Structures are given as C-alpha cells and as structure tokens.
C-alpha cells in the first residue's frame, strides 16, 4: 500500500512537471508593434554629432495595417524627418493592435 502511494505521488509530480515544461509561444520583439517599429528605425545614418536624440511619436494603424504618423515631437528636425519617412505608410502585422486607435511611442536614437 505504501508503494502504491509513493508511485502515485511520483506520477502526479511528473505530470505536473511536464505540464509546466511545455513551451508556449512567447511574445518576441518582432511580434509586437513596438518591435516592428524598432526594426524600421534601427538602420540609420546618425553620426556622433547626433547622439541621444529623443522623440515622442503619435500614430495610428489603419485598417490595412499601415502606420500613419500624426506627429513627431522633438527638438531635432532631422530626427523628425527621419522618423516620418521611415514609418509613414509602412505595413505592420496587426497582432493585438486596434486599427484607428492613437498610439504614442517614445523613440530614442543613440550613437
């Protein structure tokens, strides 16, 4: 009887451990909206004169999955033009994104 209890406890523990060991789909940087925007902005030609540039970007995502930049609040005109040219009308995946909703995203470019 004691062996039966021990075996049942071991089986229960093994079943519990295997349930927690299964890997689910994790949200990666490429899957979410900010990660997609990061990929669009990461290849840039800013030099050492333009280090630690920041901006606050307001945009919406259209029904077709395109970004529409509403405003870029920054003190640097070069950064404003860069962000608008890289993001405006670019396609994104609509995972967990509400079309028509206004999003705000801080952007920081470091050298």
N, C-alpha and C. Protein backbone atom coordinates (compact mmCIF):
# COMPACT_ATOMS: atom_id res chain seq x y z
N UNK A 1 0.82 -1.19 0.00
CA UNK A 1 0.00 0.00 0.00
C UNK A 1 0.86 1.25 0.00
N UNK A 2 1.97 1.18 0.75
CA UNK A 2 2.88 2.32 0.82
C UNK A 2 3.53 2.56 -0.54
N UNK A 3 3.87 1.50 -1.26
CA UNK A 3 4.48 1.64 -2.58
C UNK A 3 3.49 2.25 -3.57
N UNK A 4 2.21 1.92 -3.45
CA UNK A 4 1.19 2.45 -4.34
C UNK A 4 1.06 3.97 -4.17
N UNK A 5 1.08 4.43 -2.93
CA UNK A 5 1.03 5.87 -2.65
C UNK A 5 2.26 6.57 -3.21
N UNK A 6 3.42 5.98 -3.02
CA UNK A 6 4.66 6.58 -3.49
C UNK A 6 4.65 6.68 -5.02
N UNK A 7 4.22 5.61 -5.67
CA UNK A 7 4.16 5.61 -7.13
C UNK A 7 3.16 6.65 -7.62
N UNK A 8 2.01 6.77 -6.98
CA UNK A 8 1.00 7.75 -7.41
C UNK A 8 1.48 9.18 -7.19
N UNK A 9 2.22 9.44 -6.11
CA UNK A 9 2.77 10.77 -5.86
C UNK A 9 3.82 11.10 -6.92
N UNK A 10 4.67 10.14 -7.25
CA UNK A 10 5.70 10.36 -8.26
C UNK A 10 5.07 10.64 -9.62
N UNK A 11 4.03 9.87 -9.97
CA UNK A 11 3.35 10.09 -11.24
C UNK A 11 2.67 11.46 -11.29
N UNK A 12 2.08 11.84 -10.18
CA UNK A 12 1.44 13.16 -10.12
C UNK A 12 2.48 14.28 -10.28
N UNK A 13 3.61 14.14 -9.64
CA UNK A 13 4.68 15.14 -9.77
C UNK A 13 5.21 15.20 -11.20
N UNK A 14 5.38 14.04 -11.81
CA UNK A 14 5.89 14.01 -13.18
C UNK A 14 4.89 14.66 -14.15
N UNK A 15 3.61 14.41 -13.94
CA UNK A 15 2.59 15.00 -14.79
C UNK A 15 2.57 16.51 -14.64
N UNK A 16 2.71 16.99 -13.41
CA UNK A 16 2.73 18.43 -13.15
C UNK A 16 3.95 19.08 -13.76
N UNK A 17 5.11 18.44 -13.61
CA UNK A 17 6.34 19.00 -14.16
C UNK A 17 6.29 19.03 -15.68
N UNK A 18 5.73 18.03 -16.31
CA UNK A 18 5.66 18.02 -17.77
C UNK A 18 4.69 19.08 -18.27
N UNK A 19 3.65 19.38 -17.50
CA UNK A 19 2.71 20.42 -17.90
C UNK A 19 3.38 21.79 -17.88
N UNK A 20 4.23 22.05 -16.89
CA UNK A 20 4.93 23.32 -16.80
C UNK A 20 6.12 23.39 -17.76
N UNK A 21 6.59 22.28 -18.22
CA UNK A 21 7.75 22.26 -19.10
C UNK A 21 7.40 22.54 -20.55
N UNK A 22 6.13 22.47 -20.91
CA UNK A 22 5.76 22.74 -22.30
C UNK A 22 5.97 24.21 -22.60
N UNK A 23 6.51 24.46 -23.78
CA UNK A 23 6.82 25.83 -24.17
C UNK A 23 5.66 26.40 -24.94
N UNK A 24 5.21 27.57 -24.53
CA UNK A 24 4.18 28.27 -25.25
C UNK A 24 4.82 29.28 -26.18
N UNK A 25 4.02 29.90 -27.01
CA UNK A 25 4.54 30.91 -27.93
C UNK A 25 4.78 32.18 -27.15
N UNK A 26 6.03 32.60 -27.11
CA UNK A 26 6.38 33.81 -26.38
C UNK A 26 6.30 35.01 -27.31
N UNK A 27 5.94 36.15 -26.72
CA UNK A 27 5.90 37.39 -27.50
C UNK A 27 7.33 37.87 -27.69
N UNK A 28 7.75 37.92 -28.93
CA UNK A 28 9.10 38.38 -29.21
C UNK A 28 9.05 39.83 -29.68
N UNK A 29 10.19 40.39 -29.79
CA UNK A 29 10.29 41.78 -30.20
C UNK A 29 9.70 42.00 -31.60
N UNK A 30 9.87 41.01 -32.48
CA UNK A 30 9.38 41.14 -33.84
C UNK A 30 7.87 40.99 -33.93
N UNK A 31 7.24 40.39 -32.93
CA UNK A 31 5.81 40.14 -32.98
C UNK A 31 4.98 41.34 -32.57
N UNK A 32 5.48 42.17 -31.67
CA UNK A 32 4.66 43.28 -31.20
C UNK A 32 4.93 44.54 -32.03
N UNK A 33 4.07 45.53 -31.87
CA UNK A 33 4.13 46.73 -32.69
C UNK A 33 5.39 47.53 -32.44
N UNK A 34 5.77 47.71 -31.19
CA UNK A 34 6.99 48.49 -30.91
C UNK A 34 8.23 47.80 -31.46
N UNK A 35 8.25 46.49 -31.46
CA UNK A 35 9.37 45.75 -32.03
C UNK A 35 9.45 45.92 -33.54
N UNK A 36 8.30 45.95 -34.20
CA UNK A 36 8.29 46.17 -35.65
C UNK A 36 8.79 47.58 -35.99
N UNK A 37 8.39 48.55 -35.18
CA UNK A 37 8.85 49.93 -35.39
C UNK A 37 10.34 50.03 -35.12
N UNK A 38 10.82 49.35 -34.11
CA UNK A 38 12.26 49.33 -33.82
C UNK A 38 13.04 48.82 -35.03
N UNK A 39 12.55 47.76 -35.65
CA UNK A 39 13.22 47.20 -36.82
C UNK A 39 13.26 48.21 -37.98
N UNK A 40 12.21 49.02 -38.12
CA UNK A 40 12.17 50.02 -39.19
C UNK A 40 13.15 51.17 -38.95
N UNK A 41 13.40 51.47 -37.67
CA UNK A 41 14.24 52.62 -37.33
C UNK A 41 15.68 52.28 -37.01
N UNK A 42 16.02 51.01 -36.88
CA UNK A 42 17.34 50.65 -36.36
C UNK A 42 18.48 50.95 -37.32
N UNK A 43 18.29 50.82 -38.61
CA UNK A 43 19.35 51.13 -39.57
C UNK A 43 19.28 52.61 -39.92
N UNK A 44 20.15 53.40 -39.29
CA UNK A 44 20.14 54.83 -39.55
C UNK A 44 21.57 55.34 -39.73
N UNK A 45 21.69 56.54 -40.24
CA UNK A 45 22.99 57.13 -40.54
C UNK A 45 23.33 58.30 -39.62
N UNK A 46 22.79 58.32 -38.42
CA UNK A 46 23.11 59.40 -37.49
C UNK A 46 24.54 59.24 -37.01
N UNK A 47 25.28 60.32 -36.96
CA UNK A 47 26.68 60.26 -36.55
C UNK A 47 26.84 60.71 -35.10
N UNK A 48 28.07 60.90 -34.67
CA UNK A 48 28.35 61.24 -33.27
C UNK A 48 27.81 62.61 -32.88
N UNK A 49 27.58 63.50 -33.88
CA UNK A 49 27.02 64.82 -33.57
C UNK A 49 25.57 64.72 -33.11
N UNK A 50 24.91 63.65 -33.49
CA UNK A 50 23.50 63.45 -33.14
C UNK A 50 23.35 62.27 -32.18
N UNK A 51 23.91 62.36 -31.00
CA UNK A 51 23.75 61.24 -30.08
C UNK A 51 22.67 61.53 -29.05
N UNK A 52 22.01 60.49 -28.64
CA UNK A 52 20.93 60.56 -27.66
C UNK A 52 19.80 61.49 -28.11
N UNK A 53 19.29 61.26 -29.29
CA UNK A 53 18.15 62.00 -29.80
C UNK A 53 16.87 61.33 -29.31
N UNK A 54 15.90 62.12 -28.91
CA UNK A 54 14.63 61.57 -28.44
C UNK A 54 13.47 62.23 -29.16
N UNK A 55 12.38 61.48 -29.25
CA UNK A 55 11.15 62.00 -29.86
C UNK A 55 9.97 61.24 -29.29
N UNK A 56 8.83 61.89 -29.33
CA UNK A 56 7.56 61.27 -28.95
C UNK A 56 6.72 61.19 -30.22
N UNK A 57 6.46 59.97 -30.67
CA UNK A 57 5.77 59.75 -31.93
C UNK A 57 4.32 59.35 -31.65
N UNK A 58 3.39 60.06 -32.30
CA UNK A 58 1.98 59.72 -32.22
C UNK A 58 1.55 59.22 -33.59
N UNK A 59 0.88 58.06 -33.62
CA UNK A 59 0.49 57.46 -34.89
C UNK A 59 -0.76 56.63 -34.70
N UNK A 60 -1.37 56.28 -35.82
CA UNK A 60 -2.48 55.33 -35.82
C UNK A 60 -2.13 54.22 -36.79
N UNK A 61 -2.81 53.10 -36.65
CA UNK A 61 -2.68 51.99 -37.58
C UNK A 61 -4.00 51.90 -38.33
N UNK A 62 -3.92 51.91 -39.66
CA UNK A 62 -5.13 51.88 -40.48
C UNK A 62 -5.69 50.46 -40.55
N UNK A 63 -6.85 50.33 -41.14
CA UNK A 63 -7.48 49.02 -41.33
C UNK A 63 -6.62 48.09 -42.19
N UNK A 64 -5.83 48.68 -43.09
CA UNK A 64 -4.96 47.91 -43.98
C UNK A 64 -3.64 47.51 -43.31
N UNK A 65 -3.44 47.95 -42.07
CA UNK A 65 -2.22 47.61 -41.36
C UNK A 65 -1.07 48.55 -41.65
N UNK A 66 -1.37 49.77 -42.08
CA UNK A 66 -0.34 50.75 -42.36
C UNK A 66 -0.23 51.75 -41.23
N UNK A 67 0.99 52.16 -40.92
CA UNK A 67 1.21 53.21 -39.93
C UNK A 67 0.94 54.56 -40.56
N UNK A 68 0.28 55.44 -39.82
CA UNK A 68 0.04 56.80 -40.27
C UNK A 68 0.53 57.72 -39.16
N UNK A 69 1.66 58.38 -39.37
CA UNK A 69 2.28 59.23 -38.36
C UNK A 69 1.48 60.52 -38.25
N UNK A 70 1.02 60.82 -37.04
CA UNK A 70 0.27 62.04 -36.79
C UNK A 70 1.19 63.18 -36.41
N UNK A 71 2.14 62.91 -35.50
CA UNK A 71 3.08 63.95 -35.09
C UNK A 71 4.34 63.33 -34.52
N UNK A 72 5.42 64.09 -34.61
CA UNK A 72 6.70 63.71 -34.03
C UNK A 72 7.17 64.91 -33.23
N UNK A 73 7.13 64.78 -31.91
CA UNK A 73 7.55 65.88 -31.04
C UNK A 73 9.02 65.70 -30.67
N UNK A 74 9.87 66.56 -31.24
CA UNK A 74 11.30 66.52 -30.98
C UNK A 74 11.88 67.90 -31.25
N UNK A 75 13.05 68.15 -30.72
CA UNK A 75 13.75 69.42 -30.96
C UNK A 75 14.62 69.34 -32.21
N UNK A 76 14.81 68.15 -32.75
CA UNK A 76 15.70 67.94 -33.88
C UNK A 76 14.88 67.71 -35.14
N UNK A 77 15.02 68.62 -36.12
CA UNK A 77 14.27 68.49 -37.37
C UNK A 77 14.71 67.29 -38.20
N UNK A 78 15.99 66.94 -38.12
CA UNK A 78 16.50 65.79 -38.87
C UNK A 78 15.84 64.51 -38.36
N UNK A 79 15.74 64.37 -37.05
CA UNK A 79 15.10 63.19 -36.47
C UNK A 79 13.62 63.14 -36.84
N UNK A 80 12.97 64.27 -36.83
CA UNK A 80 11.55 64.31 -37.19
C UNK A 80 11.34 63.82 -38.62
N UNK A 81 12.13 64.30 -39.55
CA UNK A 81 12.03 63.87 -40.93
C UNK A 81 12.37 62.39 -41.11
N UNK A 82 13.38 61.93 -40.38
CA UNK A 82 13.78 60.53 -40.45
C UNK A 82 12.66 59.61 -39.98
N UNK A 83 12.07 59.92 -38.84
CA UNK A 83 11.00 59.08 -38.29
C UNK A 83 9.79 59.07 -39.22
N UNK A 84 9.41 60.24 -39.72
CA UNK A 84 8.26 60.30 -40.62
C UNK A 84 8.51 59.51 -41.90
N UNK A 85 9.72 59.65 -42.47
CA UNK A 85 9.99 58.96 -43.73
C UNK A 85 10.08 57.45 -43.55
N UNK A 86 10.56 56.99 -42.40
CA UNK A 86 10.71 55.55 -42.17
C UNK A 86 9.40 54.87 -41.77
N UNK A 87 8.50 55.60 -41.10
CA UNK A 87 7.30 54.96 -40.55
C UNK A 87 6.03 55.20 -41.35
N UNK A 88 5.90 56.36 -41.97
CA UNK A 88 4.64 56.70 -42.62
C UNK A 88 4.29 55.73 -43.75
N UNK A 89 3.10 55.17 -43.68
CA UNK A 89 2.53 54.24 -44.66
C UNK A 89 3.28 52.91 -44.76
N UNK A 90 4.01 52.53 -43.73
CA UNK A 90 4.67 51.23 -43.70
C UNK A 90 3.70 50.19 -43.15
N UNK A 91 3.73 49.00 -43.71
CA UNK A 91 2.86 47.90 -43.27
C UNK A 91 3.39 47.27 -41.99
N UNK A 92 2.48 46.93 -41.08
CA UNK A 92 2.82 46.21 -39.85
C UNK A 92 1.83 45.07 -39.68
N UNK A 93 2.22 44.09 -38.88
CA UNK A 93 1.33 42.98 -38.56
C UNK A 93 0.34 43.45 -37.50
N UNK A 94 -0.92 43.10 -37.64
CA UNK A 94 -1.97 43.59 -36.75
C UNK A 94 -2.24 42.67 -35.56
N UNK A 95 -1.20 42.13 -34.94
CA UNK A 95 -1.38 41.30 -33.77
C UNK A 95 -1.61 42.20 -32.55
N UNK A 96 -2.75 42.08 -31.92
CA UNK A 96 -3.10 42.86 -30.73
C UNK A 96 -3.03 44.36 -30.97
N UNK A 97 -3.42 44.81 -32.14
CA UNK A 97 -3.42 46.22 -32.48
C UNK A 97 -4.84 46.61 -32.88
N UNK A 98 -5.32 47.72 -32.32
CA UNK A 98 -6.66 48.20 -32.65
C UNK A 98 -6.55 49.26 -33.75
N UNK A 99 -7.02 48.97 -34.95
CA UNK A 99 -6.97 49.97 -36.03
C UNK A 99 -7.76 51.22 -35.65
N UNK A 100 -7.20 52.39 -35.98
CA UNK A 100 -7.85 53.66 -35.70
C UNK A 100 -7.52 54.25 -34.34
N UNK A 101 -6.93 53.49 -33.47
CA UNK A 101 -6.57 53.98 -32.14
C UNK A 101 -5.26 54.77 -32.22
N UNK A 102 -5.15 55.86 -31.46
CA UNK A 102 -3.94 56.67 -31.45
C UNK A 102 -2.95 56.04 -30.48
N UNK A 103 -1.75 55.80 -30.97
CA UNK A 103 -0.68 55.23 -30.16
C UNK A 103 0.42 56.28 -29.98
N UNK A 104 1.07 56.24 -28.84
CA UNK A 104 2.23 57.09 -28.58
C UNK A 104 3.41 56.20 -28.26
N UNK A 105 4.54 56.51 -28.87
CA UNK A 105 5.73 55.70 -28.70
C UNK A 105 6.95 56.61 -28.54
N UNK A 106 7.67 56.46 -27.42
CA UNK A 106 8.91 57.24 -27.30
C UNK A 106 10.01 56.59 -28.14
N UNK A 107 10.78 57.41 -28.83
CA UNK A 107 11.87 56.93 -29.67
C UNK A 107 13.15 57.58 -29.18
N UNK A 108 14.20 56.77 -29.05
CA UNK A 108 15.50 57.28 -28.63
C UNK A 108 16.55 56.70 -29.57
N UNK A 109 17.32 57.58 -30.19
CA UNK A 109 18.40 57.18 -31.08
C UNK A 109 19.71 57.45 -30.34
N UNK A 110 20.50 56.40 -30.17
CA UNK A 110 21.79 56.56 -29.50
C UNK A 110 22.90 56.21 -30.48
N UNK A 111 24.02 56.89 -30.32
CA UNK A 111 25.16 56.65 -31.21
C UNK A 111 26.02 55.52 -30.70
